[in-house]
């Protein structure tokens, strides 16, 4: 039996009330347990509230715009370009506040674009906005998270273990190699969320694409195949993003500023 979206999660006053309550609970937990990297500049509770409000506004706007966007290939391409630019801006500003933030365009684009090109070239997905937008969004979101985690962890490690970098230089290593030896193990931890999600799929996690297809009446085998492809594609995208982000950090193309902000 197929279920409608309205029957699964009706958008009414109860929905709105619970949504607000959950958002306030998240902010209260962050404030009560002081879940911030510092006690002065970063206020996680406020960030949570702003993120929730911003998310609601953006989804409302996109829900209206996307109906028009998917009707035109040119509009779809423009929308996808905007998605990538926002991802670059968000990832870059999460890592640093200086002028090198724009270099995050390399790991993001190098991770997402080849996978999308392969999907289109093999005919696995059609050149249709209603398909291109969600698939690109999933892959870009995965690349964004991996880039941010890899960049922040690599730069933090280099700052904390600067003496070991100097020791490597004294032993004859190039600056790139000395920095890479320190940054790479820490940056590779950005792959852990994706690995865990794939390893536990079906046992712990039931991803939205899989559940959505089942509820829409799709064959379980087809739904599983689509979800498996998404997870494997995400691991490929994230591996490329982490590798290139680490390389940028090691080569000094992406570096922390003295006033790095935790906000995008």
C-alpha atoms as a PDB file:
ATOM      1  CA  UNK A   1       0.000   0.000   0.000  1.00  0.00           C
ATOM      2  CA  UNK A   2       1.382   3.394  -0.957  1.00  0.00           C
ATOM      3  CA  UNK A   3       1.342   6.129   1.667  1.00  0.00           C
ATOM      4  CA  UNK A   4       1.109   9.814   0.959  1.00  0.00           C
ATOM      5  CA  UNK A   5       3.556  12.302   2.434  1.00  0.00           C
ATOM      6  CA  UNK A   6       0.687  13.961   4.282  1.00  0.00           C
ATOM      7  CA  UNK A   7      -0.223  10.733   6.054  1.00  0.00           C
ATOM      8  CA  UNK A   8       3.396  10.135   7.093  1.00  0.00           C
ATOM      9  CA  UNK A   9       4.078  13.600   8.492  1.00  0.00           C
ATOM     10  CA  UNK A  10       1.114  15.981   8.279  1.00  0.00           C
ATOM     11  CA  UNK A  11       2.125  19.635   8.138  1.00  0.00           C
ATOM     12  CA  UNK A  12      -0.144  21.207  10.721  1.00  0.00           C
ATOM     13  CA  UNK A  13      -0.009  23.053  14.046  1.00  0.00           C
ATOM     14  CA  UNK A  14       1.198  19.931  15.856  1.00  0.00           C
ATOM     15  CA  UNK A  15       4.039  19.552  13.373  1.00  0.00           C
ATOM     16  CA  UNK A  16       5.056  23.199  13.804  1.00  0.00           C
ATOM     17  CA  UNK A  17       4.878  23.010  17.592  1.00  0.00           C
ATOM     18  CA  UNK A  18       6.989  19.867  17.807  1.00  0.00           C
ATOM     19  CA  UNK A  19       9.511  21.279  15.342  1.00  0.00           C
ATOM     20  CA  UNK A  20       9.961  24.405  17.457  1.00  0.00           C
ATOM     21  CA  UNK A  21      10.185  22.327  20.648  1.00  0.00           C
ATOM     22  CA  UNK A  22      12.922  20.121  19.190  1.00  0.00           C
ATOM     23  CA  UNK A  23      14.881  23.128  17.965  1.00  0.00           C
ATOM     24  CA  UNK A  24      14.666  24.770  21.395  1.00  0.00           C
ATOM     25  CA  UNK A  25      15.704  21.491  23.046  1.00  0.00           C
ATOM     26  CA  UNK A  26      18.783  21.278  20.837  1.00  0.00           C
ATOM     27  CA  UNK A  27      19.725  24.874  21.624  1.00  0.00           C
ATOM     28  CA  UNK A  28      19.099  24.362  25.341  1.00  0.00           C
ATOM     29  CA  UNK A  29      21.305  21.264  25.423  1.00  0.00           C
ATOM     30  CA  UNK A  30      24.122  23.118  23.656  1.00  0.00           C
ATOM     31  CA  UNK A  31      23.831  26.033  26.066  1.00  0.00           C
ATOM     32  CA  UNK A  32      23.508  23.975  29.257  1.00  0.00           C
ATOM     33  CA  UNK A  33      26.453  21.687  28.480  1.00  0.00           C
ATOM     34  CA  UNK A  34      28.554  24.506  26.947  1.00  0.00           C
ATOM     35  CA  UNK A  35      28.954  22.706  23.624  1.00  0.00           C
ATOM     36  CA  UNK A  36      31.240  25.307  22.084  1.00  0.00           C
ATOM     37  CA  UNK A  37      34.940  25.243  21.177  1.00  0.00           C
ATOM     38  CA  UNK A  38      35.470  28.427  23.177  1.00  0.00           C
ATOM     39  CA  UNK A  39      33.636  30.482  25.765  1.00  0.00           C
ATOM     40  CA  UNK A  40      33.832  33.851  24.051  1.00  0.00           C
ATOM     41  CA  UNK A  41      33.285  33.953  20.300  1.00  0.00           C
ATOM     42  CA  UNK A  42      31.286  30.845  19.466  1.00  0.00           C
ATOM     43  CA  UNK A  43      27.731  30.397  20.685  1.00  0.00           C
ATOM     44  CA  UNK A  44      26.409  27.018  19.568  1.00  0.00           C
ATOM     45  CA  UNK A  45      22.912  27.571  20.978  1.00  0.00           C
ATOM     46  CA  UNK A  46      22.443  30.689  18.885  1.00  0.00           C
ATOM     47  CA  UNK A  47      23.890  28.936  15.842  1.00  0.00           C
ATOM     48  CA  UNK A  48      21.399  26.079  16.262  1.00  0.00           C
ATOM     49  CA  UNK A  49      18.448  28.457  16.424  1.00  0.00           C
ATOM     50  CA  UNK A  50      19.666  30.431  13.417  1.00  0.00           C
ATOM     51  CA  UNK A  51      20.372  27.251  11.451  1.00  0.00           C
ATOM     52  CA  UNK A  52      16.850  25.975  12.118  1.00  0.00           C
ATOM     53  CA  UNK A  53      15.236  29.251  11.074  1.00  0.00           C
ATOM     54  CA  UNK A  54      17.465  29.539   8.032  1.00  0.00           C
ATOM     55  CA  UNK A  55      16.732  25.961   7.011  1.00  0.00           C
ATOM     56  CA  UNK A  56      12.992  26.521   7.225  1.00  0.00           C
ATOM     57  CA  UNK A  57      13.151  29.678   5.108  1.00  0.00           C
ATOM     58  CA  UNK A  58      15.442  28.135   2.511  1.00  0.00           C
ATOM     59  CA  UNK A  59      13.346  24.989   2.138  1.00  0.00           C
ATOM     60  CA  UNK A  60      10.205  27.073   1.781  1.00  0.00           C
ATOM     61  CA  UNK A  61      11.841  29.166  -0.941  1.00  0.00           C
ATOM     62  CA  UNK A  62      13.320  26.157  -2.746  1.00  0.00           C
ATOM     63  CA  UNK A  63       9.961  24.332  -2.638  1.00  0.00           C
ATOM     64  CA  UNK A  64       8.487  27.175  -4.680  1.00  0.00           C
ATOM     65  CA  UNK A  65      11.430  27.772  -7.001  1.00  0.00           C
ATOM     66  CA  UNK A  66      12.252  24.149  -7.806  1.00  0.00           C
ATOM     67  CA  UNK A  67       8.893  23.575  -9.492  1.00  0.00           C
ATOM     68  CA  UNK A  68       9.916  26.168 -12.081  1.00  0.00           C
ATOM     69  CA  UNK A  69      13.608  25.215 -12.212  1.00  0.00           C
ATOM     70  CA  UNK A  70      13.065  21.589 -13.237  1.00  0.00           C
ATOM     71  CA  UNK A  71      11.106  22.652 -16.320  1.00  0.00           C
ATOM     72  CA  UNK A  72      14.190  24.110 -18.008  1.00  0.00           C
ATOM     73  CA  UNK A  73      17.606  22.533 -18.489  1.00  0.00           C
ATOM     74  CA  UNK A  74      19.278  25.956 -18.433  1.00  0.00           C
ATOM     75  CA  UNK A  75      17.546  26.810 -15.140  1.00  0.00           C
ATOM     76  CA  UNK A  76      18.546  23.426 -13.724  1.00  0.00           C
ATOM     77  CA  UNK A  77      22.204  23.995 -14.627  1.00  0.00           C
ATOM     78  CA  UNK A  78      22.071  27.457 -13.048  1.00  0.00           C
ATOM     79  CA  UNK A  79      20.548  26.010  -9.879  1.00  0.00           C
ATOM     80  CA  UNK A  80      23.195  23.279  -9.690  1.00  0.00           C
ATOM     81  CA  UNK A  81      25.935  25.884 -10.160  1.00  0.00           C
ATOM     82  CA  UNK A  82      24.464  27.906  -7.314  1.00  0.00           C
ATOM     83  CA  UNK A  83      24.450  24.796  -5.120  1.00  0.00           C
ATOM     84  CA  UNK A  84      28.143  24.216  -5.770  1.00  0.00           C
ATOM     85  CA  UNK A  85      29.049  27.865  -5.158  1.00  0.00           C
ATOM     86  CA  UNK A  86      27.206  27.885  -1.840  1.00  0.00           C
ATOM     87  CA  UNK A  87      28.983  24.664  -0.871  1.00  0.00           C
ATOM     88  CA  UNK A  88      32.368  26.214  -1.706  1.00  0.00           C
ATOM     89  CA  UNK A  89      31.578  29.311   0.322  1.00  0.00           C
ATOM     90  CA  UNK A  90      30.318  27.277   3.285  1.00  0.00           C
ATOM     91  CA  UNK A  91      33.217  24.807   3.291  1.00  0.00           C
ATOM     92  CA  UNK A  92      35.841  27.490   2.778  1.00  0.00           C
ATOM     93  CA  UNK A  93      34.563  29.766   5.540  1.00  0.00           C
ATOM     94  CA  UNK A  94      34.225  26.864   7.941  1.00  0.00           C
ATOM     95  CA  UNK A  95      37.921  26.125   7.462  1.00  0.00           C
ATOM     96  CA  UNK A  96      39.435  29.605   7.238  1.00  0.00           C
ATOM     97  CA  UNK A  97      38.543  33.281   7.077  1.00  0.00           C
ATOM     98  CA  UNK A  98      41.450  34.341   4.886  1.00  0.00           C
ATOM     99  CA  UNK A  99      41.625  34.519   1.117  1.00  0.00           C
ATOM    100  CA  UNK A 100      42.414  30.841   0.596  1.00  0.00           C
ATOM    101  CA  UNK A 101      38.851  29.700   1.367  1.00  0.00           C
ATOM    102  CA  UNK A 102      37.930  29.616  -2.322  1.00  0.00           C
ATOM    103  CA  UNK A 103      40.376  26.756  -2.985  1.00  0.00           C
ATOM    104  CA  UNK A 104      37.810  24.374  -1.512  1.00  0.00           C
ATOM    105  CA  UNK A 105      36.204  24.563  -4.940  1.00  0.00           C
ATOM    106  CA  UNK A 106      38.813  22.035  -6.116  1.00  0.00           C
ATOM    107  CA  UNK A 107      37.985  19.117  -3.764  1.00  0.00           C
ATOM    108  CA  UNK A 108      34.255  19.777  -4.050  1.00  0.00           C
ATOM    109  CA  UNK A 109      34.176  19.931  -7.846  1.00  0.00           C
ATOM    110  CA  UNK A 110      36.697  17.122  -8.340  1.00  0.00           C
ATOM    111  CA  UNK A 111      34.617  14.852  -6.141  1.00  0.00           C
ATOM    112  CA  UNK A 112      31.140  15.588  -7.474  1.00  0.00           C
ATOM    113  CA  UNK A 113      31.489  16.433 -11.179  1.00  0.00           C
ATOM    114  CA  UNK A 114      33.162  13.183 -12.394  1.00  0.00           C
ATOM    115  CA  UNK A 115      30.545  11.040 -10.651  1.00  0.00           C
ATOM    116  CA  UNK A 116      27.691  13.047 -12.129  1.00  0.00           C
ATOM    117  CA  UNK A 117      29.337  12.917 -15.562  1.00  0.00           C
ATOM    118  CA  UNK A 118      29.668   9.126 -15.298  1.00  0.00           C
ATOM    119  CA  UNK A 119      26.014   8.772 -14.288  1.00  0.00           C
ATOM    120  CA  UNK A 120      24.882  10.835 -17.270  1.00  0.00           C
ATOM    121  CA  UNK A 121      27.291   9.213 -19.736  1.00  0.00           C
ATOM    122  CA  UNK A 122      26.179   5.696 -18.825  1.00  0.00           C
ATOM    123  CA  UNK A 123      22.508   6.633 -18.925  1.00  0.00           C
ATOM    124  CA  UNK A 124      21.894   5.600 -15.321  1.00  0.00           C
ATOM    125  CA  UNK A 125      20.168   8.914 -14.691  1.00  0.00           C
ATOM    126  CA  UNK A 126      18.375  11.053 -17.286  1.00  0.00           C
ATOM    127  CA  UNK A 127      19.219  14.631 -18.159  1.00  0.00           C
ATOM    128  CA  UNK A 128      16.223  15.783 -16.165  1.00  0.00           C
ATOM    129  CA  UNK A 129      16.183  18.409 -13.438  1.00  0.00           C
ATOM    130  CA  UNK A 130      13.883  16.430 -11.153  1.00  0.00           C
ATOM    131  CA  UNK A 131      16.601  13.745 -10.979  1.00  0.00           C
ATOM    132  CA  UNK A 132      19.764  15.829 -11.371  1.00  0.00           C
ATOM    133  CA  UNK A 133      19.017  18.215  -8.513  1.00  0.00           C
ATOM    134  CA  UNK A 134      18.501  15.684  -5.676  1.00  0.00           C
ATOM    135  CA  UNK A 135      21.363  13.406  -6.779  1.00  0.00           C
ATOM    136  CA  UNK A 136      23.780  16.316  -7.126  1.00  0.00           C
ATOM    137  CA  UNK A 137      22.581  17.677  -3.799  1.00  0.00           C
ATOM    138  CA  UNK A 138      23.289  14.406  -2.001  1.00  0.00           C
ATOM    139  CA  UNK A 139      26.794  14.132  -3.457  1.00  0.00           C
ATOM    140  CA  UNK A 140      27.615  17.803  -2.901  1.00  0.00           C
ATOM    141  CA  UNK A 141      26.442  17.600   0.705  1.00  0.00           C
ATOM    142  CA  UNK A 142      28.698  14.601   1.311  1.00  0.00           C
ATOM    143  CA  UNK A 143      31.670  16.337  -0.290  1.00  0.00           C
ATOM    144  CA  UNK A 144      30.978  19.470   1.752  1.00  0.00           C
ATOM    145  CA  UNK A 145      31.032  17.602   5.076  1.00  0.00           C
ATOM    146  CA  UNK A 146      34.180  15.671   4.189  1.00  0.00           C
ATOM    147  CA  UNK A 147      36.017  18.783   2.995  1.00  0.00           C
ATOM    148  CA  UNK A 148      35.191  20.744   6.136  1.00  0.00           C
ATOM    149  CA  UNK A 149      36.169  17.933   8.508  1.00  0.00           C
ATOM    150  CA  UNK A 150      39.377  17.142   6.634  1.00  0.00           C
ATOM    151  CA  UNK A 151      40.442  20.773   6.380  1.00  0.00           C
ATOM    152  CA  UNK A 152      39.767  21.634  10.003  1.00  0.00           C
ATOM    153  CA  UNK A 153      41.365  18.468  11.386  1.00  0.00           C
ATOM    154  CA  UNK A 154      44.445  18.819   9.177  1.00  0.00           C
ATOM    155  CA  UNK A 155      45.019  22.473  10.086  1.00  0.00           C
ATOM    156  CA  UNK A 156      44.419  21.837  13.796  1.00  0.00           C
ATOM    157  CA  UNK A 157      46.927  18.998  13.758  1.00  0.00           C
ATOM    158  CA  UNK A 158      49.551  21.085  12.007  1.00  0.00           C
ATOM    159  CA  UNK A 159      49.116  23.854  14.547  1.00  0.00           C
ATOM    160  CA  UNK A 160      49.412  21.492  17.511  1.00  0.00           C
ATOM    161  CA  UNK A 161      52.333  19.499  16.104  1.00  0.00           C
ATOM    162  CA  UNK A 162      54.289  22.278  14.446  1.00  0.00           C
ATOM    163  CA  UNK A 163      57.479  21.050  16.100  1.00  0.00           C
ATOM    164  CA  UNK A 164      57.197  17.698  14.340  1.00  0.00           C
ATOM    165  CA  UNK A 165      56.922  19.464  11.007  1.00  0.00           C
ATOM    166  CA  UNK A 166      60.125  21.337  11.818  1.00  0.00           C
ATOM    167  CA  UNK A 167      61.788  18.037  12.731  1.00  0.00           C
ATOM    168  CA  UNK A 168      60.786  16.572   9.389  1.00  0.00           C
ATOM    169  CA  UNK A 169      62.301  19.546   7.597  1.00  0.00           C
ATOM    170  CA  UNK A 170      65.519  19.093   9.579  1.00  0.00           C
ATOM    171  CA  UNK A 171      65.655  15.474   8.419  1.00  0.00           C
ATOM    172  CA  UNK A 172      65.515  16.548   4.792  1.00  0.00           C
ATOM    173  CA  UNK A 173      61.825  16.251   3.969  1.00  0.00           C
ATOM    174  CA  UNK A 174      60.269  18.852   1.727  1.00  0.00           C
ATOM    175  CA  UNK A 175      57.804  21.206   3.391  1.00  0.00           C
ATOM    176  CA  UNK A 176      54.932  19.518   1.584  1.00  0.00           C
ATOM    177  CA  UNK A 177      55.980  16.033   2.684  1.00  0.00           C
ATOM    178  CA  UNK A 178      56.639  17.087   6.279  1.00  0.00           C
ATOM    179  CA  UNK A 179      53.240  18.721   6.556  1.00  0.00           C
ATOM    180  CA  UNK A 180      51.532  15.813   4.815  1.00  0.00           C
ATOM    181  CA  UNK A 181      52.909  13.275   7.302  1.00  0.00           C
ATOM    182  CA  UNK A 182      51.225  15.178  10.112  1.00  0.00           C
ATOM    183  CA  UNK A 183      48.023  16.288   8.382  1.00  0.00           C
ATOM    184  CA  UNK A 184      47.048  13.151   6.488  1.00  0.00           C
ATOM    185  CA  UNK A 185      46.170  10.811   9.411  1.00  0.00           C
ATOM    186  CA  UNK A 186      44.009  13.467  11.048  1.00  0.00           C
ATOM    187  CA  UNK A 187      42.285  14.473   7.802  1.00  0.00           C
ATOM    188  CA  UNK A 188      41.476  10.851   6.971  1.00  0.00           C
ATOM    189  CA  UNK A 189      39.116  10.768   9.957  1.00  0.00           C
ATOM    190  CA  UNK A 190      36.684  12.754   7.806  1.00  0.00           C
ATOM    191  CA  UNK A 191      35.911   9.469   6.016  1.00  0.00           C
ATOM    192  CA  UNK A 192      34.641   7.755   9.181  1.00  0.00           C
ATOM    193  CA  UNK A 193      30.993   8.998   9.072  1.00  0.00           C
ATOM    194  CA  UNK A 194      30.549   7.788   5.499  1.00  0.00           C
ATOM    195  CA  UNK A 195      32.206   4.470   6.245  1.00  0.00           C
ATOM    196  CA  UNK A 196      30.030   3.873   9.282  1.00  0.00           C
ATOM    197  CA  UNK A 197      26.871   4.806   7.420  1.00  0.00           C
ATOM    198  CA  UNK A 198      27.666   2.318   4.654  1.00  0.00           C
ATOM    199  CA  UNK A 199      28.740  -0.452   7.029  1.00  0.00           C
ATOM    200  CA  UNK A 200      25.584  -0.204   9.129  1.00  0.00           C
ATOM    201  CA  UNK A 201      23.035   0.475   6.379  1.00  0.00           C
ATOM    202  CA  UNK A 202      20.026  -1.785   6.801  1.00  0.00           C
ATOM    203  CA  UNK A 203      21.067  -2.682  10.347  1.00  0.00           C
ATOM    204  CA  UNK A 204      21.271   0.676  12.107  1.00  0.00           C
ATOM    205  CA  UNK A 205      20.464   3.269   9.449  1.00  0.00           C
ATOM    206  CA  UNK A 206      17.658   3.199   6.887  1.00  0.00           C
ATOM    207  CA  UNK A 207      18.493   6.079   4.521  1.00  0.00           C
ATOM    208  CA  UNK A 208      15.792   8.342   3.187  1.00  0.00           C
ATOM    209  CA  UNK A 209      16.206   7.367  -0.471  1.00  0.00           C
ATOM    210  CA  UNK A 210      15.671   3.704   0.346  1.00  0.00           C
ATOM    211  CA  UNK A 211      12.679   4.263   2.622  1.00  0.00           C
ATOM    212  CA  UNK A 212      11.156   6.822   0.268  1.00  0.00           C
ATOM    213  CA  UNK A 213      11.287   4.427  -2.678  1.00  0.00           C
ATOM    214  CA  UNK A 214       9.734   1.622  -0.636  1.00  0.00           C
ATOM    215  CA  UNK A 215       6.914   3.851   0.577  1.00  0.00           C
ATOM    216  CA  UNK A 216       6.392   5.009  -2.985  1.00  0.00           C
ATOM    217  CA  UNK A 217       5.777   1.403  -4.067  1.00  0.00           C
ATOM    218  CA  UNK A 218       9.172   0.583  -5.606  1.00  0.00           C
ATOM    219  CA  UNK A 219      10.516  -2.947  -5.699  1.00  0.00           C
ATOM    220  CA  UNK A 220      12.652  -3.600  -2.562  1.00  0.00           C
ATOM    221  CA  UNK A 221      15.544  -4.892  -4.655  1.00  0.00           C
ATOM    222  CA  UNK A 222      15.523  -1.785  -6.838  1.00  0.00           C
ATOM    223  CA  UNK A 223      15.300   0.469  -3.792  1.00  0.00           C
ATOM    224  CA  UNK A 224      18.245  -1.315  -2.191  1.00  0.00           C
ATOM    225  CA  UNK A 225      20.299  -1.092  -5.382  1.00  0.00           C
ATOM    226  CA  UNK A 226      19.709   2.657  -5.689  1.00  0.00           C
ATOM    227  CA  UNK A 227      20.623   3.266  -2.059  1.00  0.00           C
ATOM    228  CA  UNK A 228      23.759   1.131  -2.335  1.00  0.00           C
ATOM    229  CA  UNK A 229      24.846   3.096  -5.382  1.00  0.00           C
ATOM    230  CA  UNK A 230      24.293   6.379  -3.550  1.00  0.00           C
ATOM    231  CA  UNK A 231      26.374   5.217  -0.570  1.00  0.00           C
ATOM    232  CA  UNK A 232      29.242   3.935  -2.721  1.00  0.00           C
ATOM    233  CA  UNK A 233      29.195   7.098  -4.843  1.00  0.00           C
ATOM    234  CA  UNK A 234      29.304   9.151  -1.649  1.00  0.00           C
ATOM    235  CA  UNK A 235      32.375   7.256  -0.437  1.00  0.00           C
ATOM    236  CA  UNK A 236      34.106   7.909  -3.760  1.00  0.00           C
ATOM    237  CA  UNK A 237      33.223  11.600  -3.685  1.00  0.00           C
ATOM    238  CA  UNK A 238      34.327  11.988  -0.082  1.00  0.00           C
ATOM    239  CA  UNK A 239      37.601  10.107  -0.617  1.00  0.00           C
ATOM    240  CA  UNK A 240      38.534  12.440  -3.475  1.00  0.00           C
ATOM    241  CA  UNK A 241      37.471  15.505  -1.483  1.00  0.00           C
ATOM    242  CA  UNK A 242      39.508  14.480   1.571  1.00  0.00           C
ATOM    243  CA  UNK A 243      42.581  13.626  -0.509  1.00  0.00           C
ATOM    244  CA  UNK A 244      42.587  16.953  -2.357  1.00  0.00           C
ATOM    245  CA  UNK A 245      41.799  18.985   0.758  1.00  0.00           C
ATOM    246  CA  UNK A 246      44.744  17.371   2.533  1.00  0.00           C
ATOM    247  CA  UNK A 247      46.970  18.108  -0.441  1.00  0.00           C
ATOM    248  CA  UNK A 248      45.907  21.753  -0.455  1.00  0.00           C
ATOM    249  CA  UNK A 249      46.721  22.048   3.241  1.00  0.00           C
ATOM    250  CA  UNK A 250      50.077  20.300   2.830  1.00  0.00           C
ATOM    251  CA  UNK A 251      51.064  22.598  -0.016  1.00  0.00           C
ATOM    252  CA  UNK A 252      49.997  25.704   1.889  1.00  0.00           C
ATOM    253  CA  UNK A 253      47.247  26.556  -0.599  1.00  0.00           C
ATOM    254  CA  UNK A 254      44.633  26.318   2.158  1.00  0.00           C
ATOM    255  CA  UNK A 255      45.641  27.571   5.556  1.00  0.00           C
ATOM    256  CA  UNK A 256      44.097  28.853   8.761  1.00  0.00           C
ATOM    257  CA  UNK A 257      43.820  32.533   9.518  1.00  0.00           C
ATOM    258  CA  UNK A 258      44.486  34.039  12.883  1.00  0.00           C
ATOM    259  CA  UNK A 259      40.787  34.919  13.247  1.00  0.00           C
ATOM    260  CA  UNK A 260      39.137  31.735  11.992  1.00  0.00           C
ATOM    261  CA  UNK A 261      35.405  31.865  12.618  1.00  0.00           C
ATOM    262  CA  UNK A 262      33.201  28.878  13.267  1.00  0.00           C
ATOM    263  CA  UNK A 263      30.447  30.338  11.153  1.00  0.00           C
ATOM    264  CA  UNK A 264      30.124  30.036   7.367  1.00  0.00           C
END
